[in-house]
């Protein structure tokens, strides 16, 4: 999981130095990359994807905390093939 986070951060930050950037404007030293494809990639990778992971993990923690195993077993594909019985 940690390696995946570092790879995603590297992929988002390495784009502009490797040429995935807009046309330089005269007189400005730095600016915001306004290319739509990079903006979408950056926003999804740095906000929406981590938010989705956090929401899913919080949902699983909440289900485990409330001991509602029937919902957790039903929702989790990892446990689908396991033989878990209710207590």
N, C-alpha and C. Protein backbone atom coordinates (compact mmCIF):
# COMPACT_ATOMS: atom_id res chain seq x y z
N UNK A 1 0.83 -1.18 0.00
CA UNK A 1 0.00 0.00 0.00
C UNK A 1 0.88 1.26 0.00
N UNK A 2 1.92 1.25 0.81
CA UNK A 2 2.82 2.40 0.87
C UNK A 2 3.52 2.61 -0.47
N UNK A 3 3.95 1.52 -1.09
CA UNK A 3 4.62 1.63 -2.39
C UNK A 3 3.67 2.19 -3.43
N UNK A 4 2.42 1.78 -3.40
CA UNK A 4 1.42 2.29 -4.35
C UNK A 4 1.22 3.79 -4.18
N UNK A 5 1.22 4.25 -2.95
CA UNK A 5 1.06 5.69 -2.68
C UNK A 5 2.25 6.48 -3.24
N UNK A 6 3.45 5.96 -3.05
CA UNK A 6 4.64 6.63 -3.57
C UNK A 6 4.66 6.62 -5.10
N UNK A 7 4.24 5.53 -5.69
CA UNK A 7 4.20 5.45 -7.16
C UNK A 7 3.19 6.45 -7.71
N UNK A 8 2.02 6.54 -7.09
CA UNK A 8 1.00 7.50 -7.53
C UNK A 8 1.51 8.94 -7.38
N UNK A 9 2.14 9.24 -6.26
CA UNK A 9 2.68 10.59 -6.06
C UNK A 9 3.76 10.91 -7.09
N UNK A 10 4.60 9.95 -7.39
CA UNK A 10 5.64 10.15 -8.41
C UNK A 10 5.02 10.36 -9.79
N UNK A 11 4.00 9.58 -10.11
CA UNK A 11 3.34 9.71 -11.42
C UNK A 11 2.69 11.08 -11.58
N UNK A 12 2.10 11.59 -10.51
CA UNK A 12 1.45 12.90 -10.59
C UNK A 12 2.48 14.02 -10.70
N UNK A 13 3.57 13.92 -9.96
CA UNK A 13 4.53 15.02 -9.92
C UNK A 13 5.56 14.99 -11.05
N UNK A 14 5.77 13.86 -11.69
CA UNK A 14 6.82 13.76 -12.71
C UNK A 14 6.34 14.24 -14.08
N UNK A 15 5.04 14.36 -14.27
CA UNK A 15 4.51 14.76 -15.56
C UNK A 15 5.03 16.08 -16.10
N UNK A 16 4.90 17.18 -15.37
CA UNK A 16 5.36 18.47 -15.89
C UNK A 16 6.86 18.53 -16.19
N UNK A 17 7.74 17.99 -15.35
CA UNK A 17 9.17 18.05 -15.71
C UNK A 17 9.52 17.23 -16.96
N UNK A 18 8.72 16.21 -17.25
CA UNK A 18 9.00 15.39 -18.43
C UNK A 18 8.33 15.90 -19.70
N UNK A 19 7.68 17.05 -19.61
CA UNK A 19 7.12 17.64 -20.82
C UNK A 19 5.60 17.70 -20.87
N UNK A 20 4.93 17.18 -19.86
CA UNK A 20 3.47 17.23 -19.84
C UNK A 20 3.06 18.55 -19.20
N UNK A 21 3.25 19.64 -19.96
CA UNK A 21 2.96 20.97 -19.44
C UNK A 21 2.47 21.85 -20.58
N UNK A 22 1.88 22.94 -20.20
CA UNK A 22 1.36 23.87 -21.18
C UNK A 22 2.44 24.71 -21.83
N UNK A 23 2.05 25.52 -22.78
CA UNK A 23 2.98 26.41 -23.46
C UNK A 23 3.40 27.51 -22.49
N UNK A 24 4.70 27.77 -22.43
CA UNK A 24 5.21 28.82 -21.53
C UNK A 24 4.71 30.18 -21.98
N UNK A 25 4.28 30.96 -21.02
CA UNK A 25 3.85 32.32 -21.31
C UNK A 25 5.00 33.26 -21.02
N UNK A 26 5.15 34.26 -21.84
CA UNK A 26 6.26 35.19 -21.67
C UNK A 26 6.08 36.03 -20.41
N UNK A 27 7.16 36.25 -19.70
CA UNK A 27 7.14 37.10 -18.52
C UNK A 27 6.76 36.40 -17.23
N UNK A 28 6.34 35.17 -17.29
CA UNK A 28 5.96 34.45 -16.07
C UNK A 28 6.97 33.36 -15.80
N UNK A 29 7.39 33.25 -14.56
CA UNK A 29 8.35 32.22 -14.19
C UNK A 29 7.68 30.89 -13.92
N UNK A 30 6.54 30.92 -13.27
CA UNK A 30 5.84 29.67 -12.98
C UNK A 30 4.34 29.90 -13.14
N UNK A 31 3.64 28.85 -13.36
CA UNK A 31 2.20 28.97 -13.54
C UNK A 31 1.53 27.63 -13.29
N UNK A 32 0.24 27.65 -13.36
CA UNK A 32 -0.55 26.45 -13.15
C UNK A 32 -0.73 25.74 -14.48
N UNK A 33 -0.55 24.43 -14.47
CA UNK A 33 -0.75 23.64 -15.67
C UNK A 33 -2.25 23.60 -15.97
N UNK A 34 -2.64 24.09 -17.12
CA UNK A 34 -4.06 24.17 -17.47
C UNK A 34 -4.47 23.15 -18.51
N UNK A 35 -3.60 22.18 -18.83
CA UNK A 35 -3.99 21.14 -19.77
C UNK A 35 -5.03 20.25 -19.10
N UNK A 36 -6.15 20.07 -19.76
CA UNK A 36 -7.28 19.36 -19.17
C UNK A 36 -6.94 17.93 -18.81
N UNK A 37 -6.21 17.23 -19.66
CA UNK A 37 -5.90 15.83 -19.36
C UNK A 37 -5.01 15.70 -18.12
N UNK A 38 -4.03 16.58 -17.95
CA UNK A 38 -3.18 16.53 -16.76
C UNK A 38 -3.96 16.94 -15.52
N UNK A 39 -4.81 17.94 -15.64
CA UNK A 39 -5.60 18.40 -14.49
C UNK A 39 -6.51 17.28 -14.00
N UNK A 40 -7.18 16.60 -14.92
CA UNK A 40 -8.07 15.49 -14.54
C UNK A 40 -7.27 14.37 -13.89
N UNK A 41 -6.13 14.00 -14.50
CA UNK A 41 -5.28 12.95 -13.94
C UNK A 41 -4.80 13.33 -12.54
N UNK A 42 -4.38 14.56 -12.37
CA UNK A 42 -3.87 15.01 -11.09
C UNK A 42 -4.96 15.05 -10.02
N UNK A 43 -6.11 15.56 -10.36
CA UNK A 43 -7.21 15.67 -9.39
C UNK A 43 -7.72 14.28 -8.99
N UNK A 44 -7.87 13.40 -9.95
CA UNK A 44 -8.34 12.04 -9.63
C UNK A 44 -7.30 11.33 -8.76
N UNK A 45 -6.04 11.43 -9.11
CA UNK A 45 -5.00 10.73 -8.38
C UNK A 45 -4.68 11.31 -7.02
N UNK A 46 -4.88 12.60 -6.85
CA UNK A 46 -4.51 13.21 -5.58
C UNK A 46 -5.70 13.53 -4.67
N UNK A 47 -6.93 13.44 -5.18
CA UNK A 47 -8.08 13.72 -4.32
C UNK A 47 -9.13 12.62 -4.36
N UNK A 48 -9.70 12.35 -5.53
CA UNK A 48 -10.84 11.43 -5.60
C UNK A 48 -10.46 9.98 -5.29
N UNK A 49 -9.35 9.49 -5.80
CA UNK A 49 -8.94 8.12 -5.52
C UNK A 49 -8.61 7.92 -4.04
N UNK A 50 -7.81 8.80 -3.41
CA UNK A 50 -7.59 8.64 -1.97
C UNK A 50 -8.87 8.77 -1.16
N UNK A 51 -9.78 9.67 -1.57
CA UNK A 51 -11.04 9.81 -0.85
C UNK A 51 -11.85 8.52 -0.92
N UNK A 52 -11.89 7.89 -2.08
CA UNK A 52 -12.61 6.64 -2.24
C UNK A 52 -12.01 5.54 -1.36
N UNK A 53 -10.71 5.45 -1.32
CA UNK A 53 -10.04 4.45 -0.48
C UNK A 53 -10.37 4.70 0.99
N UNK A 54 -10.31 5.95 1.42
CA UNK A 54 -10.60 6.29 2.81
C UNK A 54 -12.04 5.95 3.17
N UNK A 55 -12.99 6.29 2.31
CA UNK A 55 -14.40 6.00 2.58
C UNK A 55 -14.65 4.50 2.68
N UNK A 56 -14.06 3.73 1.76
CA UNK A 56 -14.24 2.27 1.79
C UNK A 56 -13.64 1.69 3.06
N UNK A 57 -12.44 2.12 3.42
CA UNK A 57 -11.81 1.59 4.63
C UNK A 57 -12.57 2.01 5.88
N UNK A 58 -13.04 3.25 5.96
CA UNK A 58 -13.84 3.67 7.11
C UNK A 58 -15.13 2.86 7.20
N UNK A 59 -15.74 2.57 6.06
CA UNK A 59 -16.96 1.77 6.04
C UNK A 59 -16.68 0.37 6.59
N UNK A 60 -15.57 -0.23 6.17
CA UNK A 60 -15.22 -1.56 6.67
C UNK A 60 -14.91 -1.53 8.16
N UNK A 61 -14.21 -0.50 8.64
CA UNK A 61 -13.93 -0.38 10.06
C UNK A 61 -15.21 -0.23 10.85
N UNK A 62 -16.13 0.56 10.36
CA UNK A 62 -17.40 0.76 11.05
C UNK A 62 -18.20 -0.53 11.11
N UNK A 63 -18.20 -1.30 10.04
CA UNK A 63 -18.92 -2.57 10.06
C UNK A 63 -18.30 -3.56 11.04
N UNK A 64 -16.99 -3.58 11.11
CA UNK A 64 -16.33 -4.47 12.05
C UNK A 64 -16.58 -4.00 13.49
N UNK A 65 -16.57 -2.71 13.70
CA UNK A 65 -16.78 -2.17 15.04
C UNK A 65 -18.18 -2.48 15.55
N UNK A 66 -19.16 -2.41 14.70
CA UNK A 66 -20.54 -2.67 15.12
C UNK A 66 -20.86 -4.15 15.14
N UNK A 67 -19.89 -4.99 14.77
CA UNK A 67 -20.06 -6.44 14.76
C UNK A 67 -21.19 -6.91 13.85
N UNK A 68 -21.45 -6.17 12.80
CA UNK A 68 -22.46 -6.57 11.83
C UNK A 68 -21.77 -7.37 10.74
N UNK A 69 -21.37 -8.58 11.07
CA UNK A 69 -20.58 -9.41 10.17
C UNK A 69 -21.35 -9.83 8.93
N UNK A 70 -22.67 -9.94 9.03
CA UNK A 70 -23.42 -10.38 7.85
C UNK A 70 -23.30 -9.37 6.72
N UNK A 71 -23.34 -8.08 7.03
CA UNK A 71 -23.18 -7.05 6.00
C UNK A 71 -21.75 -7.03 5.52
N UNK A 72 -20.80 -7.17 6.43
CA UNK A 72 -19.39 -7.14 6.04
C UNK A 72 -19.04 -8.31 5.14
N UNK A 73 -19.50 -9.48 5.48
CA UNK A 73 -19.22 -10.66 4.65
C UNK A 73 -19.89 -10.51 3.30
N UNK A 74 -21.08 -9.95 3.27
CA UNK A 74 -21.79 -9.77 2.00
C UNK A 74 -21.10 -8.73 1.12
N UNK A 75 -20.60 -7.67 1.71
CA UNK A 75 -20.01 -6.57 0.94
C UNK A 75 -18.56 -6.83 0.52
N UNK A 76 -17.86 -7.63 1.24
CA UNK A 76 -16.44 -7.82 0.98
C UNK A 76 -16.22 -9.00 0.05
N UNK A 77 -15.61 -8.75 -1.09
CA UNK A 77 -15.35 -9.83 -2.03
C UNK A 77 -14.27 -10.77 -1.52
N UNK A 78 -13.42 -10.30 -0.62
CA UNK A 78 -12.37 -11.15 -0.10
C UNK A 78 -12.95 -12.28 0.75
N UNK A 79 -14.03 -11.98 1.47
CA UNK A 79 -14.64 -12.98 2.33
C UNK A 79 -15.72 -13.80 1.64
N UNK A 80 -16.02 -13.50 0.40
CA UNK A 80 -17.12 -14.19 -0.28
C UNK A 80 -16.92 -15.70 -0.32
N UNK A 81 -15.71 -16.14 -0.59
CA UNK A 81 -15.46 -17.57 -0.73
C UNK A 81 -15.07 -18.25 0.58
N UNK A 82 -15.05 -17.51 1.66
CA UNK A 82 -14.70 -18.08 2.95
C UNK A 82 -15.95 -18.67 3.60
N UNK A 83 -15.76 -19.67 4.44
CA UNK A 83 -16.86 -20.30 5.14
C UNK A 83 -16.93 -19.70 6.54
N UNK A 84 -17.59 -18.55 6.65
CA UNK A 84 -17.72 -17.85 7.93
C UNK A 84 -19.16 -17.98 8.40
N UNK A 85 -19.33 -18.38 9.64
CA UNK A 85 -20.67 -18.53 10.19
C UNK A 85 -20.93 -17.42 11.19
N UNK A 86 -22.21 -17.06 11.34
CA UNK A 86 -22.59 -16.04 12.31
C UNK A 86 -22.47 -16.61 13.71
N UNK A 87 -22.13 -15.73 14.63
CA UNK A 87 -22.03 -16.15 16.03
C UNK A 87 -23.20 -15.63 16.80
